[in-house]
Amino acid sequence: MTEGLDELIKLERSAEEERSKLAGLTDDERDAQWRRWRKAAERAQAAITAHAEATGANRYEVEQAVKRAVRHAQQEPTAE
């Protein structure tokens, strides 16, 4: 079963959130956070690959669409 695009976006967003937590960390804290980021990134990449293979889509294009969607959501101003 493949992941839908919404699920791929959630996985990529999760990986980006874990990456952003690296800022300011040092030593053991950084190592532990790096492992959490790496695991989240691996899950996102595996899901993108599975989706592309199952749908016959170009893997690179799927990945770029997911990354654009995540970046676009991060750049949107929040409603107040």
C-alpha atoms as a PDB file:
ATOM      1  CA  MET A   1       0.000   0.000   0.000  1.00  0.00           C
ATOM      2  CA  THR A   2       1.362   3.405  -0.886  1.00  0.00           C
ATOM      3  CA  GLU A   3       1.164   6.602   1.043  1.00  0.00           C
ATOM      4  CA  GLY A   4      -1.125   9.326  -0.273  1.00  0.00           C
ATOM      5  CA  LEU A   5       0.393  12.705  -1.001  1.00  0.00           C
ATOM      6  CA  ASP A   6      -1.059  14.169   2.203  1.00  0.00           C
ATOM      7  CA  GLU A   7       0.706  11.478   4.213  1.00  0.00           C
ATOM      8  CA  LEU A   8       3.960  12.103   2.340  1.00  0.00           C
ATOM      9  CA  ILE A   9       3.691  15.793   3.184  1.00  0.00           C
ATOM     10  CA  LYS A  10       3.109  14.950   6.862  1.00  0.00           C
ATOM     11  CA  LEU A  11       6.178  12.704   6.905  1.00  0.00           C
ATOM     12  CA  GLU A  12       8.351  15.346   5.219  1.00  0.00           C
ATOM     13  CA  ARG A  13       7.052  18.027   7.576  1.00  0.00           C
ATOM     14  CA  SER A  14       7.897  15.794  10.534  1.00  0.00           C
ATOM     15  CA  ALA A  15      11.447  15.335   9.221  1.00  0.00           C
ATOM     16  CA  GLU A  16      11.844  19.093   8.782  1.00  0.00           C
ATOM     17  CA  GLU A  17      10.565  19.722  12.315  1.00  0.00           C
ATOM     18  CA  GLU A  18      13.123  17.259  13.698  1.00  0.00           C
ATOM     19  CA  ARG A  19      15.883  18.926  11.649  1.00  0.00           C
ATOM     20  CA  SER A  20      14.958  22.356  12.960  1.00  0.00           C
ATOM     21  CA  LYS A  21      15.398  21.123  16.538  1.00  0.00           C
ATOM     22  CA  LEU A  22      19.143  20.647  15.907  1.00  0.00           C
ATOM     23  CA  ALA A  23      19.782  24.383  16.197  1.00  0.00           C
ATOM     24  CA  GLY A  24      21.725  25.260  19.303  1.00  0.00           C
ATOM     25  CA  LEU A  25      22.245  21.691  20.488  1.00  0.00           C
ATOM     26  CA  THR A  26      25.690  20.310  21.246  1.00  0.00           C
ATOM     27  CA  ASP A  27      27.328  17.011  22.054  1.00  0.00           C
ATOM     28  CA  ASP A  28      25.018  14.198  23.207  1.00  0.00           C
ATOM     29  CA  GLU A  29      21.838  16.249  22.783  1.00  0.00           C
ATOM     30  CA  ARG A  30      22.782  17.018  19.178  1.00  0.00           C
ATOM     31  CA  ASP A  31      23.659  13.382  18.485  1.00  0.00           C
ATOM     32  CA  ALA A  32      20.333  12.176  19.853  1.00  0.00           C
ATOM     33  CA  GLN A  33      18.370  14.792  17.910  1.00  0.00           C
ATOM     34  CA  TRP A  34      20.345  14.024  14.740  1.00  0.00           C
ATOM     35  CA  ARG A  35      19.286  10.368  15.071  1.00  0.00           C
ATOM     36  CA  ARG A  36      15.623  11.413  15.462  1.00  0.00           C
ATOM     37  CA  TRP A  37      15.920  13.633  12.376  1.00  0.00           C
ATOM     38  CA  ARG A  38      17.645  10.895  10.388  1.00  0.00           C
ATOM     39  CA  LYS A  39      14.935   8.349  11.285  1.00  0.00           C
ATOM     40  CA  ALA A  40      12.156  10.785  10.294  1.00  0.00           C
ATOM     41  CA  ALA A  41      13.940  11.626   7.028  1.00  0.00           C
ATOM     42  CA  GLU A  42      14.417   7.940   6.211  1.00  0.00           C
ATOM     43  CA  ARG A  43      10.689   7.285   6.760  1.00  0.00           C
ATOM     44  CA  ALA A  44       9.778  10.177   4.456  1.00  0.00           C
ATOM     45  CA  GLN A  45      12.210   9.078   1.742  1.00  0.00           C
ATOM     46  CA  ALA A  46      11.048   5.456   1.891  1.00  0.00           C
ATOM     47  CA  ALA A  47       7.406   6.533   1.600  1.00  0.00           C
ATOM     48  CA  ILE A  48       8.202   8.791  -1.371  1.00  0.00           C
ATOM     49  CA  THR A  49      10.025   5.940  -3.107  1.00  0.00           C
ATOM     50  CA  ALA A  50       7.164   3.494  -2.449  1.00  0.00           C
ATOM     51  CA  HIS A  51       4.601   5.999  -3.722  1.00  0.00           C
ATOM     52  CA  ALA A  52       6.569   6.669  -6.897  1.00  0.00           C
ATOM     53  CA  GLU A  53       7.071   2.973  -7.596  1.00  0.00           C
ATOM     54  CA  ALA A  54       3.428   2.101  -6.956  1.00  0.00           C
ATOM     55  CA  THR A  55       2.047   4.913  -9.087  1.00  0.00           C
ATOM     56  CA  GLY A  56       4.675   4.871 -11.831  1.00  0.00           C
ATOM     57  CA  ALA A  57       5.494   8.491 -11.066  1.00  0.00           C
ATOM     58  CA  ASN A  58       8.965   9.940 -11.347  1.00  0.00           C
ATOM     59  CA  ARG A  59      10.471   9.672  -7.860  1.00  0.00           C
ATOM     60  CA  TYR A  60      12.360  12.954  -8.152  1.00  0.00           C
ATOM     61  CA  GLU A  61       9.190  14.787  -9.211  1.00  0.00           C
ATOM     62  CA  VAL A  62       7.216  13.300  -6.310  1.00  0.00           C
ATOM     63  CA  GLU A  63       9.928  14.331  -3.838  1.00  0.00           C
ATOM     64  CA  GLN A  64      10.107  17.854  -5.235  1.00  0.00           C
ATOM     65  CA  ALA A  65       6.315  18.247  -5.114  1.00  0.00           C
ATOM     66  CA  VAL A  66       6.293  17.126  -1.480  1.00  0.00           C
ATOM     67  CA  LYS A  67       9.150  19.484  -0.555  1.00  0.00           C
ATOM     68  CA  ARG A  68       7.420  22.391  -2.347  1.00  0.00           C
ATOM     69  CA  ALA A  69       4.194  21.696  -0.467  1.00  0.00           C
ATOM     70  CA  VAL A  70       6.022  21.665   2.872  1.00  0.00           C
ATOM     71  CA  ARG A  71       7.962  24.842   2.070  1.00  0.00           C
ATOM     72  CA  HIS A  72       4.821  26.590   0.827  1.00  0.00           C
ATOM     73  CA  ALA A  73       2.936  25.733   4.017  1.00  0.00           C
ATOM     74  CA  GLN A  74       5.847  27.050   6.113  1.00  0.00           C
ATOM     75  CA  GLN A  75       5.913  30.338   4.205  1.00  0.00           C
ATOM     76  CA  GLU A  76       2.191  31.081   4.475  1.00  0.00           C
ATOM     77  CA  PRO A  77       1.412  33.779   7.037  1.00  0.00           C
ATOM     78  CA  THR A  78      -0.639  32.530   9.942  1.00  0.00           C
ATOM     79  CA  ALA A  79      -4.117  33.938  10.421  1.00  0.00           C
ATOM     80  CA  GLU A  80      -4.525  36.022  13.547  1.00  0.00           C
END
